[in-house]
């Protein structure tokens, strides 16, 4: 059987898929004190959802970002492809990093009404993903359910924003520039309007669960390699 050529994704598509598949990234803001901006960078990992093409970020109430953005709204946000389980260590041993997106722009705090609207969007995202999972075939459900929910499930992680005791401040990240960085460190500037206009792969929110679920079973890994070889003209191999 002759293999079919895979659809070529633009850098904007790749950026959108990464942003849609992950749920946490590193937010960078400029440190501030009573005298103003100190020009040093403060970084922490935060959770987010993608809404209308922009990241909406939940920052813990006691996080230093909340002070920094009062003085200076400038910031950057870095998100990588979600690689669950032992795969990051494997990539590190090969001196490779997951593909990632780097955004620069302004970190805009949302007032009560807009923050509540963002929270409702978060609830809708969780309900939508749960509905998709419940409607999956037996085979796909088996793959998803065998993944480790503690680190591979986007929904389980985001659900903690609603169910936990910790309080958050919600921000919208208005990015002005964007960069796609591949696994070899190659950086490519991407028009942020192209990212906003592109559409994410429907499987993107479940990619971490699918990857982890497949890697839990040797037969699944071999089947995936065969699929790539026959249908995608791609070379793949098992690494232990």
C-alpha atoms as a PDB file:
ATOM      1  CA  UNK A   1       0.000   0.000   0.000  1.00  0.00           C
ATOM      2  CA  UNK A   2       1.391   3.361  -0.984  1.00  0.00           C
ATOM      3  CA  UNK A   3       1.732   5.807   1.872  1.00  0.00           C
ATOM      4  CA  UNK A   4      -0.018   9.148   1.759  1.00  0.00           C
ATOM      5  CA  UNK A   5       1.833  12.383   2.310  1.00  0.00           C
ATOM      6  CA  UNK A   6       1.166  13.994   5.645  1.00  0.00           C
ATOM      7  CA  UNK A   7      -0.328  17.466   5.719  1.00  0.00           C
ATOM      8  CA  UNK A   8       2.388  20.077   6.110  1.00  0.00           C
ATOM      9  CA  UNK A   9       1.775  22.268   9.137  1.00  0.00           C
ATOM     10  CA  UNK A  10       2.795  25.911   9.110  1.00  0.00           C
ATOM     11  CA  UNK A  11       4.712  27.366  12.042  1.00  0.00           C
ATOM     12  CA  UNK A  12       1.501  29.143  13.049  1.00  0.00           C
ATOM     13  CA  UNK A  13      -0.333  25.789  13.107  1.00  0.00           C
ATOM     14  CA  UNK A  14       2.413  24.258  15.223  1.00  0.00           C
ATOM     15  CA  UNK A  15       2.273  27.156  17.676  1.00  0.00           C
ATOM     16  CA  UNK A  16      -1.507  26.890  17.958  1.00  0.00           C
ATOM     17  CA  UNK A  17      -1.360  23.131  18.529  1.00  0.00           C
ATOM     18  CA  UNK A  18       1.229  23.512  21.281  1.00  0.00           C
ATOM     19  CA  UNK A  19      -0.814  26.215  23.004  1.00  0.00           C
ATOM     20  CA  UNK A  20      -3.987  24.126  22.691  1.00  0.00           C
ATOM     21  CA  UNK A  21      -2.394  20.889  23.897  1.00  0.00           C
ATOM     22  CA  UNK A  22      -0.705  22.160  27.041  1.00  0.00           C
ATOM     23  CA  UNK A  23      -2.264  23.703  30.133  1.00  0.00           C
ATOM     24  CA  UNK A  24       0.756  25.163  31.883  1.00  0.00           C
ATOM     25  CA  UNK A  25       3.638  27.392  30.907  1.00  0.00           C
ATOM     26  CA  UNK A  26       6.311  29.647  32.335  1.00  0.00           C
ATOM     27  CA  UNK A  27       5.252  33.244  32.878  1.00  0.00           C
ATOM     28  CA  UNK A  28       8.011  35.854  33.079  1.00  0.00           C
ATOM     29  CA  UNK A  29       7.469  39.336  34.485  1.00  0.00           C
ATOM     30  CA  UNK A  30       9.807  42.142  35.528  1.00  0.00           C
ATOM     31  CA  UNK A  31      10.524  42.247  39.256  1.00  0.00           C
ATOM     32  CA  UNK A  32       9.274  45.311  41.061  1.00  0.00           C
ATOM     33  CA  UNK A  33       9.479  46.836  44.528  1.00  0.00           C
ATOM     34  CA  UNK A  34       8.359  50.063  46.190  1.00  0.00           C
ATOM     35  CA  UNK A  35      10.779  52.019  44.002  1.00  0.00           C
ATOM     36  CA  UNK A  36       9.435  50.567  40.761  1.00  0.00           C
ATOM     37  CA  UNK A  37      10.835  48.183  38.170  1.00  0.00           C
ATOM     38  CA  UNK A  38      14.163  46.496  38.944  1.00  0.00           C
ATOM     39  CA  UNK A  39      14.632  45.014  35.441  1.00  0.00           C
ATOM     40  CA  UNK A  40      15.281  41.533  36.903  1.00  0.00           C
ATOM     41  CA  UNK A  41      13.060  38.723  35.632  1.00  0.00           C
ATOM     42  CA  UNK A  42      10.775  36.660  37.845  1.00  0.00           C
ATOM     43  CA  UNK A  43       9.546  33.309  36.490  1.00  0.00           C
ATOM     44  CA  UNK A  44       7.009  30.777  37.697  1.00  0.00           C
ATOM     45  CA  UNK A  45       4.919  27.984  36.215  1.00  0.00           C
ATOM     46  CA  UNK A  46       1.236  28.845  35.819  1.00  0.00           C
ATOM     47  CA  UNK A  47      -1.876  27.228  34.359  1.00  0.00           C
ATOM     48  CA  UNK A  48      -3.857  28.612  31.468  1.00  0.00           C
ATOM     49  CA  UNK A  49      -6.475  27.978  28.814  1.00  0.00           C
ATOM     50  CA  UNK A  50      -6.612  29.286  25.269  1.00  0.00           C
ATOM     51  CA  UNK A  51      -9.579  31.575  24.675  1.00  0.00           C
ATOM     52  CA  UNK A  52     -10.227  33.491  21.461  1.00  0.00           C
ATOM     53  CA  UNK A  53      -6.670  32.795  20.405  1.00  0.00           C
ATOM     54  CA  UNK A  54      -5.069  34.206  23.571  1.00  0.00           C
ATOM     55  CA  UNK A  55      -3.787  32.576  26.773  1.00  0.00           C
ATOM     56  CA  UNK A  56      -5.880  33.289  29.872  1.00  0.00           C
ATOM     57  CA  UNK A  57      -3.649  32.681  32.863  1.00  0.00           C
ATOM     58  CA  UNK A  58      -4.454  31.766  36.479  1.00  0.00           C
ATOM     59  CA  UNK A  59      -1.813  33.130  38.865  1.00  0.00           C
ATOM     60  CA  UNK A  60      -1.902  32.174  42.569  1.00  0.00           C
ATOM     61  CA  UNK A  61      -2.971  35.138  44.693  1.00  0.00           C
ATOM     62  CA  UNK A  62       0.314  35.235  46.636  1.00  0.00           C
ATOM     63  CA  UNK A  63       2.536  34.969  43.556  1.00  0.00           C
ATOM     64  CA  UNK A  64       4.979  37.815  42.910  1.00  0.00           C
ATOM     65  CA  UNK A  65       3.581  38.297  39.385  1.00  0.00           C
ATOM     66  CA  UNK A  66       0.613  40.087  40.920  1.00  0.00           C
ATOM     67  CA  UNK A  67       2.910  42.778  42.318  1.00  0.00           C
ATOM     68  CA  UNK A  68       5.134  42.980  39.260  1.00  0.00           C
ATOM     69  CA  UNK A  69       2.301  43.587  36.805  1.00  0.00           C
ATOM     70  CA  UNK A  70       0.997  46.547  38.814  1.00  0.00           C
ATOM     71  CA  UNK A  71       4.254  48.375  38.054  1.00  0.00           C
ATOM     72  CA  UNK A  72       5.024  46.942  34.623  1.00  0.00           C
ATOM     73  CA  UNK A  73       2.609  44.882  32.517  1.00  0.00           C
ATOM     74  CA  UNK A  74       5.286  43.666  30.114  1.00  0.00           C
ATOM     75  CA  UNK A  75       5.907  39.946  30.179  1.00  0.00           C
ATOM     76  CA  UNK A  76       6.660  36.804  28.234  1.00  0.00           C
ATOM     77  CA  UNK A  77       5.083  33.378  28.236  1.00  0.00           C
ATOM     78  CA  UNK A  78       6.753  30.114  27.207  1.00  0.00           C
ATOM     79  CA  UNK A  79       4.836  26.908  26.500  1.00  0.00           C
ATOM     80  CA  UNK A  80       6.282  23.596  25.325  1.00  0.00           C
ATOM     81  CA  UNK A  81       4.694  20.536  23.771  1.00  0.00           C
ATOM     82  CA  UNK A  82       3.398  18.383  26.640  1.00  0.00           C
ATOM     83  CA  UNK A  83       5.721  15.379  26.856  1.00  0.00           C
ATOM     84  CA  UNK A  84       4.523  13.109  29.694  1.00  0.00           C
ATOM     85  CA  UNK A  85       6.253  10.448  31.749  1.00  0.00           C
ATOM     86  CA  UNK A  86       9.897   9.504  31.131  1.00  0.00           C
ATOM     87  CA  UNK A  87      10.042  11.041  27.649  1.00  0.00           C
ATOM     88  CA  UNK A  88      11.542  14.407  28.748  1.00  0.00           C
ATOM     89  CA  UNK A  89      14.518  12.568  30.266  1.00  0.00           C
ATOM     90  CA  UNK A  90      14.936  10.595  27.054  1.00  0.00           C
ATOM     91  CA  UNK A  91      14.896  13.766  24.972  1.00  0.00           C
ATOM     92  CA  UNK A  92      17.374  15.348  27.365  1.00  0.00           C
ATOM     93  CA  UNK A  93      19.771  12.429  26.914  1.00  0.00           C
ATOM     94  CA  UNK A  94      19.591  13.079  23.168  1.00  0.00           C
ATOM     95  CA  UNK A  95      20.251  16.791  23.783  1.00  0.00           C
ATOM     96  CA  UNK A  96      16.847  17.690  22.427  1.00  0.00           C
ATOM     97  CA  UNK A  97      14.019  19.705  23.921  1.00  0.00           C
ATOM     98  CA  UNK A  98      10.296  19.591  23.156  1.00  0.00           C
ATOM     99  CA  UNK A  99       9.148  22.078  20.537  1.00  0.00           C
ATOM    100  CA  UNK A 100       7.910  25.223  22.230  1.00  0.00           C
ATOM    101  CA  UNK A 101       6.321  28.621  21.758  1.00  0.00           C
ATOM    102  CA  UNK A 102       7.673  31.882  23.172  1.00  0.00           C
ATOM    103  CA  UNK A 103       5.298  34.845  23.382  1.00  0.00           C
ATOM    104  CA  UNK A 104       6.023  38.424  24.406  1.00  0.00           C
ATOM    105  CA  UNK A 105       3.425  41.047  25.236  1.00  0.00           C
ATOM    106  CA  UNK A 106       1.409  42.506  28.103  1.00  0.00           C
ATOM    107  CA  UNK A 107      -0.063  40.705  31.108  1.00  0.00           C
ATOM    108  CA  UNK A 108      -3.502  42.251  31.601  1.00  0.00           C
ATOM    109  CA  UNK A 109      -5.358  41.614  34.893  1.00  0.00           C
ATOM    110  CA  UNK A 110      -9.066  40.910  34.461  1.00  0.00           C
ATOM    111  CA  UNK A 111     -11.664  42.697  36.529  1.00  0.00           C
ATOM    112  CA  UNK A 112     -14.315  40.730  38.405  1.00  0.00           C
ATOM    113  CA  UNK A 113     -16.821  40.400  35.551  1.00  0.00           C
ATOM    114  CA  UNK A 114     -14.271  39.367  32.942  1.00  0.00           C
ATOM    115  CA  UNK A 115     -12.491  37.082  35.406  1.00  0.00           C
ATOM    116  CA  UNK A 116     -15.796  35.329  36.097  1.00  0.00           C
ATOM    117  CA  UNK A 117     -16.385  34.999  32.358  1.00  0.00           C
ATOM    118  CA  UNK A 118     -12.952  33.393  31.955  1.00  0.00           C
ATOM    119  CA  UNK A 119     -13.759  30.982  34.784  1.00  0.00           C
ATOM    120  CA  UNK A 120     -17.008  30.018  33.064  1.00  0.00           C
ATOM    121  CA  UNK A 121     -15.022  29.394  29.875  1.00  0.00           C
ATOM    122  CA  UNK A 122     -12.755  27.115  31.890  1.00  0.00           C
ATOM    123  CA  UNK A 123     -15.790  25.149  33.113  1.00  0.00           C
ATOM    124  CA  UNK A 124     -17.031  24.834  29.529  1.00  0.00           C
ATOM    125  CA  UNK A 125     -13.625  23.574  28.383  1.00  0.00           C
ATOM    126  CA  UNK A 126     -13.617  20.883  31.066  1.00  0.00           C
ATOM    127  CA  UNK A 127     -17.183  19.788  30.293  1.00  0.00           C
ATOM    128  CA  UNK A 128     -16.435  19.683  26.566  1.00  0.00           C
ATOM    129  CA  UNK A 129     -13.340  17.526  27.033  1.00  0.00           C
ATOM    130  CA  UNK A 130     -15.152  15.172  29.400  1.00  0.00           C
ATOM    131  CA  UNK A 131     -17.936  14.798  26.828  1.00  0.00           C
ATOM    132  CA  UNK A 132     -15.460  13.945  24.063  1.00  0.00           C
ATOM    133  CA  UNK A 133     -13.765  11.327  26.243  1.00  0.00           C
ATOM    134  CA  UNK A 134     -17.104   9.751  27.189  1.00  0.00           C
ATOM    135  CA  UNK A 135     -18.012   9.393  23.503  1.00  0.00           C
ATOM    136  CA  UNK A 136     -14.738   7.759  22.465  1.00  0.00           C
ATOM    137  CA  UNK A 137     -14.643   4.209  21.164  1.00  0.00           C
ATOM    138  CA  UNK A 138     -13.695   1.351  23.470  1.00  0.00           C
ATOM    139  CA  UNK A 139     -10.163   1.207  22.054  1.00  0.00           C
ATOM    140  CA  UNK A 140      -9.496   4.925  22.403  1.00  0.00           C
ATOM    141  CA  UNK A 141     -11.040   4.972  25.880  1.00  0.00           C
ATOM    142  CA  UNK A 142      -8.654   2.193  26.854  1.00  0.00           C
ATOM    143  CA  UNK A 143      -5.662   4.241  25.734  1.00  0.00           C
ATOM    144  CA  UNK A 144      -6.840   7.382  27.531  1.00  0.00           C
ATOM    145  CA  UNK A 145      -7.787   5.604  30.753  1.00  0.00           C
ATOM    146  CA  UNK A 146      -4.419   3.840  30.967  1.00  0.00           C
ATOM    147  CA  UNK A 147      -2.521   7.141  30.989  1.00  0.00           C
ATOM    148  CA  UNK A 148      -1.333   8.597  34.274  1.00  0.00           C
ATOM    149  CA  UNK A 149      -3.929  11.249  35.095  1.00  0.00           C
ATOM    150  CA  UNK A 150      -1.683  12.960  37.641  1.00  0.00           C
ATOM    151  CA  UNK A 151       0.645  14.325  34.965  1.00  0.00           C
ATOM    152  CA  UNK A 152      -0.929  13.558  31.574  1.00  0.00           C
ATOM    153  CA  UNK A 153      -4.514  14.756  31.953  1.00  0.00           C
ATOM    154  CA  UNK A 154      -5.134  18.361  31.004  1.00  0.00           C
ATOM    155  CA  UNK A 155      -8.645  18.270  32.474  1.00  0.00           C
ATOM    156  CA  UNK A 156      -7.570  16.825  35.818  1.00  0.00           C
ATOM    157  CA  UNK A 157      -4.918  19.495  36.215  1.00  0.00           C
ATOM    158  CA  UNK A 158      -7.165  22.406  35.223  1.00  0.00           C
ATOM    159  CA  UNK A 159      -9.964  21.113  37.438  1.00  0.00           C
ATOM    160  CA  UNK A 160      -7.836  21.982  40.471  1.00  0.00           C
ATOM    161  CA  UNK A 161      -8.257  25.670  39.603  1.00  0.00           C
ATOM    162  CA  UNK A 162     -11.963  25.304  40.368  1.00  0.00           C
ATOM    163  CA  UNK A 163     -11.970  22.748  43.164  1.00  0.00           C
ATOM    164  CA  UNK A 164      -8.950  23.680  45.280  1.00  0.00           C
ATOM    165  CA  UNK A 165      -8.806  26.113  48.191  1.00  0.00           C
ATOM    166  CA  UNK A 166      -6.151  28.311  46.617  1.00  0.00           C
ATOM    167  CA  UNK A 167      -7.252  31.688  45.261  1.00  0.00           C
ATOM    168  CA  UNK A 168      -6.127  33.005  41.886  1.00  0.00           C
ATOM    169  CA  UNK A 169      -5.889  36.213  39.902  1.00  0.00           C
ATOM    170  CA  UNK A 170      -6.877  35.789  36.246  1.00  0.00           C
ATOM    171  CA  UNK A 171      -4.925  37.505  33.476  1.00  0.00           C
ATOM    172  CA  UNK A 172      -5.196  37.785  29.729  1.00  0.00           C
ATOM    173  CA  UNK A 173      -1.883  37.610  27.894  1.00  0.00           C
ATOM    174  CA  UNK A 174      -1.976  40.071  24.996  1.00  0.00           C
ATOM    175  CA  UNK A 175       0.957  38.940  22.910  1.00  0.00           C
ATOM    176  CA  UNK A 176       2.610  41.183  20.345  1.00  0.00           C
ATOM    177  CA  UNK A 177       5.259  38.819  19.041  1.00  0.00           C
ATOM    178  CA  UNK A 178       5.659  35.068  18.904  1.00  0.00           C
ATOM    179  CA  UNK A 179       8.398  32.565  18.192  1.00  0.00           C
ATOM    180  CA  UNK A 180       8.334  28.860  17.358  1.00  0.00           C
ATOM    181  CA  UNK A 181      11.369  26.945  18.633  1.00  0.00           C
ATOM    182  CA  UNK A 182      11.916  23.422  17.326  1.00  0.00           C
ATOM    183  CA  UNK A 183      13.513  20.478  19.121  1.00  0.00           C
ATOM    184  CA  UNK A 184      16.959  21.369  17.797  1.00  0.00           C
ATOM    185  CA  UNK A 185      16.783  24.946  19.048  1.00  0.00           C
ATOM    186  CA  UNK A 186      15.942  26.541  15.709  1.00  0.00           C
ATOM    187  CA  UNK A 187      13.859  29.689  16.272  1.00  0.00           C
ATOM    188  CA  UNK A 188      11.318  31.036  13.786  1.00  0.00           C
ATOM    189  CA  UNK A 189       9.381  34.256  14.182  1.00  0.00           C
ATOM    190  CA  UNK A 190       5.658  33.788  13.596  1.00  0.00           C
ATOM    191  CA  UNK A 191       3.084  36.497  12.933  1.00  0.00           C
ATOM    192  CA  UNK A 192       0.803  36.481  15.973  1.00  0.00           C
ATOM    193  CA  UNK A 193      -2.199  37.240  13.766  1.00  0.00           C
ATOM    194  CA  UNK A 194      -1.512  33.994  11.892  1.00  0.00           C
ATOM    195  CA  UNK A 195      -1.536  32.093  15.191  1.00  0.00           C
ATOM    196  CA  UNK A 196      -4.851  33.638  16.177  1.00  0.00           C
ATOM    197  CA  UNK A 197      -6.346  32.764  12.784  1.00  0.00           C
ATOM    198  CA  UNK A 198      -5.103  29.157  12.670  1.00  0.00           C
ATOM    199  CA  UNK A 199      -7.150  26.264  14.039  1.00  0.00           C
ATOM    200  CA  UNK A 200      -5.833  23.739  16.524  1.00  0.00           C
ATOM    201  CA  UNK A 201      -5.968  20.011  15.877  1.00  0.00           C
ATOM    202  CA  UNK A 202      -9.089  18.558  17.588  1.00  0.00           C
ATOM    203  CA  UNK A 203      -6.848  15.970  19.268  1.00  0.00           C
ATOM    204  CA  UNK A 204      -4.504  18.601  20.718  1.00  0.00           C
ATOM    205  CA  UNK A 205      -6.129  18.774  24.196  1.00  0.00           C
ATOM    206  CA  UNK A 206      -5.760  14.997  24.540  1.00  0.00           C
ATOM    207  CA  UNK A 207      -2.261  14.622  23.103  1.00  0.00           C
ATOM    208  CA  UNK A 208      -0.478  14.125  26.434  1.00  0.00           C
ATOM    209  CA  UNK A 209      -2.955  11.421  27.491  1.00  0.00           C
ATOM    210  CA  UNK A 210      -2.698   9.688  24.117  1.00  0.00           C
ATOM    211  CA  UNK A 211       1.108   9.734  24.177  1.00  0.00           C
ATOM    212  CA  UNK A 212       1.263   8.431  27.725  1.00  0.00           C
ATOM    213  CA  UNK A 213      -1.467   5.841  27.147  1.00  0.00           C
ATOM    214  CA  UNK A 214       0.299   4.461  24.069  1.00  0.00           C
ATOM    215  CA  UNK A 215       3.622   4.315  25.903  1.00  0.00           C
ATOM    216  CA  UNK A 216       2.091   2.208  28.677  1.00  0.00           C
ATOM    217  CA  UNK A 217       1.805  -0.750  26.307  1.00  0.00           C
ATOM    218  CA  UNK A 218       4.395  -2.338  24.006  1.00  0.00           C
ATOM    219  CA  UNK A 219       1.810  -3.585  21.503  1.00  0.00           C
ATOM    220  CA  UNK A 220       0.403  -0.081  21.138  1.00  0.00           C
ATOM    221  CA  UNK A 221       3.856   1.347  20.502  1.00  0.00           C
ATOM    222  CA  UNK A 222       4.532  -1.210  17.780  1.00  0.00           C
ATOM    223  CA  UNK A 223       1.132  -0.550  16.199  1.00  0.00           C
ATOM    224  CA  UNK A 224       1.862   3.181  16.125  1.00  0.00           C
ATOM    225  CA  UNK A 225       5.228   2.576  14.457  1.00  0.00           C
ATOM    226  CA  UNK A 226       3.530   0.421  11.812  1.00  0.00           C
ATOM    227  CA  UNK A 227       0.869   3.081  11.251  1.00  0.00           C
ATOM    228  CA  UNK A 228       3.511   5.793  10.777  1.00  0.00           C
ATOM    229  CA  UNK A 229       5.487   3.601   8.387  1.00  0.00           C
ATOM    230  CA  UNK A 230       2.525   2.641   6.189  1.00  0.00           C
ATOM    231  CA  UNK A 231       0.357   5.746   6.175  1.00  0.00           C
ATOM    232  CA  UNK A 232       2.669   8.655   6.925  1.00  0.00           C
ATOM    233  CA  UNK A 233       5.947   7.610   5.282  1.00  0.00           C
ATOM    234  CA  UNK A 234       7.541   8.346   8.645  1.00  0.00           C
ATOM    235  CA  UNK A 235      10.405   6.439  10.223  1.00  0.00           C
ATOM    236  CA  UNK A 236       9.905   5.616  13.889  1.00  0.00           C
ATOM    237  CA  UNK A 237      11.440   3.214  16.353  1.00  0.00           C
ATOM    238  CA  UNK A 238      10.957   2.104  19.923  1.00  0.00           C
ATOM    239  CA  UNK A 239      13.301   3.529  22.549  1.00  0.00           C
ATOM    240  CA  UNK A 240      13.467   2.012  26.006  1.00  0.00           C
END
